[in-house]
Amino acid sequence: MDEAEVRERWREIQGGFVDGPGESVLEADSLAAEITEALVTALEQRRAELRAAWDGDERADTETLRLALREYRSFIRRLNGDED
């Protein structure tokens, strides 16, 4: 689901509030759940990618590990809302 689709669905939810406030709130909750699930899936996928870069390679050299640590730093900063 892209940003434009989310915005459109949100406009529809808000627009329907007057005629069906309860239904609008349920739809808002559903949209929030979909967005949350997509975000968690994307975060888990990114973490798996980071781990795959070094995990299982007992002979990973210092440069590989340095690059992995740099990527983790960027990932964690984004999760924390910090600038990269």
N, C-alpha and C. Protein backbone atom coordinates (compact mmCIF):
# COMPACT_ATOMS: atom_id res chain seq x y z
N MET A 1 0.85 -1.17 0.00
CA MET A 1 0.00 0.00 0.00
C MET A 1 0.90 1.24 0.00
N ASP A 2 0.67 2.11 -0.97
CA ASP A 2 1.52 3.30 -1.06
C ASP A 2 0.86 4.49 -0.37
N GLU A 3 1.62 5.58 -0.26
CA GLU A 3 1.14 6.77 0.43
C GLU A 3 -0.14 7.32 -0.16
N ALA A 4 -0.23 7.36 -1.47
CA ALA A 4 -1.42 7.90 -2.13
C ALA A 4 -2.66 7.08 -1.77
N GLU A 5 -2.51 5.76 -1.74
CA GLU A 5 -3.64 4.90 -1.38
C GLU A 5 -4.06 5.13 0.07
N VAL A 6 -3.08 5.28 0.95
CA VAL A 6 -3.40 5.53 2.36
C VAL A 6 -4.15 6.85 2.50
N ARG A 7 -3.65 7.88 1.83
CA ARG A 7 -4.32 9.19 1.89
C ARG A 7 -5.75 9.12 1.37
N GLU A 8 -5.93 8.40 0.27
CA GLU A 8 -7.27 8.28 -0.32
C GLU A 8 -8.21 7.53 0.63
N ARG A 9 -7.73 6.45 1.17
CA ARG A 9 -8.57 5.70 2.12
C ARG A 9 -8.91 6.54 3.34
N TRP A 10 -7.93 7.32 3.81
CA TRP A 10 -8.17 8.17 4.96
C TRP A 10 -9.23 9.23 4.65
N ARG A 11 -9.15 9.82 3.45
CA ARG A 11 -10.16 10.81 3.04
C ARG A 11 -11.56 10.17 3.03
N GLU A 12 -11.64 8.96 2.53
CA GLU A 12 -12.92 8.25 2.51
C GLU A 12 -13.43 7.97 3.92
N ILE A 13 -12.53 7.58 4.80
CA ILE A 13 -12.91 7.32 6.19
C ILE A 13 -13.44 8.59 6.84
N GLN A 14 -12.70 9.66 6.68
CA GLN A 14 -13.14 10.93 7.27
C GLN A 14 -14.46 11.40 6.66
N GLY A 15 -14.58 11.26 5.36
CA GLY A 15 -15.79 11.68 4.68
C GLY A 15 -17.02 10.90 5.11
N GLY A 16 -16.84 9.68 5.54
CA GLY A 16 -17.96 8.86 5.96
C GLY A 16 -18.35 9.02 7.41
N PHE A 17 -17.59 9.83 8.14
CA PHE A 17 -17.82 9.95 9.58
C PHE A 17 -19.21 10.48 9.91
N VAL A 18 -19.65 11.50 9.21
CA VAL A 18 -20.94 12.13 9.52
C VAL A 18 -22.08 11.13 9.43
N ASP A 19 -22.08 10.32 8.38
CA ASP A 19 -23.16 9.35 8.18
C ASP A 19 -22.97 8.06 8.97
N GLY A 20 -21.74 7.75 9.33
CA GLY A 20 -21.49 6.49 10.04
C GLY A 20 -20.25 6.59 10.90
N PRO A 21 -20.32 7.31 12.02
CA PRO A 21 -19.12 7.51 12.85
C PRO A 21 -18.51 6.21 13.38
N GLY A 22 -19.36 5.30 13.79
CA GLY A 22 -18.83 4.04 14.30
C GLY A 22 -18.10 3.25 13.23
N GLU A 23 -18.69 3.20 12.06
CA GLU A 23 -18.06 2.49 10.94
C GLU A 23 -16.75 3.17 10.54
N SER A 24 -16.72 4.49 10.57
CA SER A 24 -15.49 5.22 10.23
C SER A 24 -14.37 4.89 11.19
N VAL A 25 -14.69 4.80 12.47
CA VAL A 25 -13.67 4.47 13.46
C VAL A 25 -13.17 3.04 13.24
N LEU A 26 -14.08 2.12 12.94
CA LEU A 26 -13.66 0.75 12.65
C LEU A 26 -12.75 0.69 11.42
N GLU A 27 -13.09 1.45 10.39
CA GLU A 27 -12.27 1.49 9.18
C GLU A 27 -10.91 2.12 9.46
N ALA A 28 -10.90 3.15 10.31
CA ALA A 28 -9.62 3.78 10.69
C ALA A 28 -8.74 2.77 11.43
N ASP A 29 -9.35 2.00 12.31
CA ASP A 29 -8.59 0.99 13.04
C ASP A 29 -8.03 -0.06 12.08
N SER A 30 -8.84 -0.46 11.12
CA SER A 30 -8.39 -1.44 10.13
C SER A 30 -7.23 -0.90 9.30
N LEU A 31 -7.34 0.35 8.88
CA LEU A 31 -6.26 0.97 8.12
C LEU A 31 -4.99 1.05 8.96
N ALA A 32 -5.14 1.45 10.21
CA ALA A 32 -3.97 1.52 11.10
C ALA A 32 -3.31 0.15 11.26
N ALA A 33 -4.13 -0.88 11.37
CA ALA A 33 -3.59 -2.24 11.50
C ALA A 33 -2.83 -2.67 10.25
N GLU A 34 -3.39 -2.35 9.08
CA GLU A 34 -2.71 -2.70 7.82
C GLU A 34 -1.37 -1.98 7.70
N ILE A 35 -1.35 -0.70 8.04
CA ILE A 35 -0.11 0.08 7.95
C ILE A 35 0.92 -0.46 8.94
N THR A 36 0.47 -0.76 10.16
CA THR A 36 1.37 -1.30 11.18
C THR A 36 1.96 -2.63 10.74
N GLU A 37 1.13 -3.50 10.21
CA GLU A 37 1.60 -4.81 9.75
C GLU A 37 2.63 -4.66 8.62
N ALA A 38 2.35 -3.77 7.69
CA ALA A 38 3.28 -3.55 6.58
C ALA A 38 4.60 -2.99 7.08
N LEU A 39 4.54 -2.09 8.05
CA LEU A 39 5.76 -1.50 8.61
C LEU A 39 6.58 -2.54 9.35
N VAL A 40 5.94 -3.35 10.17
CA VAL A 40 6.65 -4.40 10.90
C VAL A 40 7.29 -5.38 9.93
N THR A 41 6.57 -5.76 8.90
CA THR A 41 7.11 -6.68 7.89
C THR A 41 8.34 -6.08 7.22
N ALA A 42 8.27 -4.81 6.85
CA ALA A 42 9.40 -4.14 6.21
C ALA A 42 10.60 -4.05 7.15
N LEU A 43 10.36 -3.75 8.41
CA LEU A 43 11.45 -3.67 9.39
C LEU A 43 12.10 -5.03 9.61
N GLU A 44 11.28 -6.06 9.73
CA GLU A 44 11.82 -7.41 9.91
C GLU A 44 12.62 -7.85 8.69
N GLN A 45 12.16 -7.50 7.52
CA GLN A 45 12.87 -7.85 6.29
C GLN A 45 14.22 -7.14 6.24
N ARG A 46 14.24 -5.86 6.60
CA ARG A 46 15.50 -5.11 6.58
C ARG A 46 16.48 -5.69 7.59
N ARG A 47 15.99 -6.03 8.77
CA ARG A 47 16.87 -6.63 9.78
C ARG A 47 17.43 -7.96 9.29
N ALA A 48 16.61 -8.76 8.63
CA ALA A 48 17.09 -10.04 8.09
C ALA A 48 18.16 -9.81 7.04
N GLU A 49 17.99 -8.78 6.22
CA GLU A 49 19.01 -8.44 5.22
C GLU A 49 20.33 -8.05 5.89
N LEU A 50 20.23 -7.25 6.95
CA LEU A 50 21.43 -6.85 7.68
C LEU A 50 22.14 -8.06 8.27
N ARG A 51 21.36 -8.94 8.86
CA ARG A 51 21.95 -10.12 9.49
C ARG A 51 22.59 -11.05 8.46
N ALA A 52 21.96 -11.17 7.31
CA ALA A 52 22.48 -12.07 6.28
C ALA A 52 23.85 -11.63 5.77
N ALA A 53 24.15 -10.35 5.91
CA ALA A 53 25.43 -9.83 5.43
C ALA A 53 26.62 -10.37 6.21
N TRP A 54 26.38 -10.83 7.43
CA TRP A 54 27.51 -11.31 8.24
C TRP A 54 27.25 -12.64 8.93
N ASP A 55 26.02 -12.98 9.20
CA ASP A 55 25.71 -14.17 9.98
C ASP A 55 26.08 -15.44 9.23
N GLY A 56 26.63 -16.38 9.94
CA GLY A 56 26.99 -17.67 9.36
C GLY A 56 28.39 -17.69 8.77
N ASP A 57 29.00 -16.53 8.71
CA ASP A 57 30.37 -16.46 8.18
C ASP A 57 31.32 -16.24 9.35
N GLU A 58 31.75 -17.35 9.92
CA GLU A 58 32.65 -17.27 11.07
C GLU A 58 33.97 -16.59 10.73
N ARG A 59 34.24 -16.50 9.45
CA ARG A 59 35.49 -15.90 9.02
C ARG A 59 35.30 -14.49 8.48
N ALA A 60 34.16 -13.85 8.83
CA ALA A 60 33.91 -12.50 8.34
C ALA A 60 35.06 -11.60 8.77
N ASP A 61 35.60 -10.90 7.79
CA ASP A 61 36.74 -10.04 8.11
C ASP A 61 36.27 -8.75 8.79
N THR A 62 37.21 -8.03 9.31
CA THR A 62 36.91 -6.80 10.04
C THR A 62 36.17 -5.80 9.18
N GLU A 63 36.51 -5.71 7.92
CA GLU A 63 35.85 -4.75 7.03
C GLU A 63 34.38 -5.11 6.83
N THR A 64 34.08 -6.38 6.66
CA THR A 64 32.70 -6.83 6.52
C THR A 64 31.91 -6.49 7.78
N LEU A 65 32.50 -6.74 8.92
CA LEU A 65 31.85 -6.45 10.19
C LEU A 65 31.69 -4.94 10.41
N ARG A 66 32.68 -4.16 9.99
CA ARG A 66 32.59 -2.70 10.11
C ARG A 66 31.43 -2.17 9.28
N LEU A 67 31.31 -2.67 8.06
CA LEU A 67 30.21 -2.25 7.19
C LEU A 67 28.86 -2.67 7.76
N ALA A 68 28.82 -3.87 8.33
CA ALA A 68 27.57 -4.34 8.95
C ALA A 68 27.20 -3.44 10.12
N LEU A 69 28.17 -3.09 10.94
CA LEU A 69 27.90 -2.23 12.08
C LEU A 69 27.42 -0.85 11.63
N ARG A 70 28.00 -0.34 10.57
CA ARG A 70 27.58 0.96 10.02
C ARG A 70 26.13 0.90 9.55
N GLU A 71 25.74 -0.20 8.90
CA GLU A 71 24.37 -0.36 8.44
C GLU A 71 23.40 -0.48 9.62
N TYR A 72 23.82 -1.22 10.66
CA TYR A 72 22.98 -1.31 11.86
C TYR A 72 22.81 0.06 12.50
N ARG A 73 23.88 0.84 12.55
CA ARG A 73 23.80 2.19 13.12
C ARG A 73 22.75 3.02 12.38
N SER A 74 22.78 2.98 11.07
CA SER A 74 21.81 3.72 10.27
C SER A 74 20.39 3.22 10.52
N PHE A 75 20.22 1.91 10.56
CA PHE A 75 18.92 1.29 10.81
C PHE A 75 18.37 1.72 12.17
N ILE A 76 19.20 1.64 13.19
CA ILE A 76 18.77 1.98 14.55
C ILE A 76 18.47 3.47 14.67
N ARG A 77 19.26 4.29 14.03
CA ARG A 77 18.99 5.73 14.06
C ARG A 77 17.64 6.03 13.42
N ARG A 78 17.34 5.40 12.33
CA ARG A 78 16.04 5.62 11.68
C ARG A 78 14.90 5.15 12.57
N LEU A 79 15.08 4.00 13.21
CA LEU A 79 14.05 3.51 14.13
C LEU A 79 13.83 4.48 15.28
N ASN A 80 14.91 5.12 15.69
CA ASN A 80 14.86 6.05 16.82
C ASN A 80 14.42 7.45 16.39
N GLY A 81 14.24 7.67 15.09
CA GLY A 81 13.81 8.96 14.60
C GLY A 81 14.93 9.97 14.45
N ASP A 82 16.17 9.51 14.55
CA ASP A 82 17.33 10.39 14.39
C ASP A 82 17.67 10.57 12.94
N GLU A 83 18.32 11.66 12.63
CA GLU A 83 18.85 11.88 11.29
C GLU A 83 20.01 10.94 11.07
N ASP A 84 20.22 10.54 9.85
CA ASP A 84 21.35 9.66 9.53
C ASP A 84 22.54 10.45 9.09
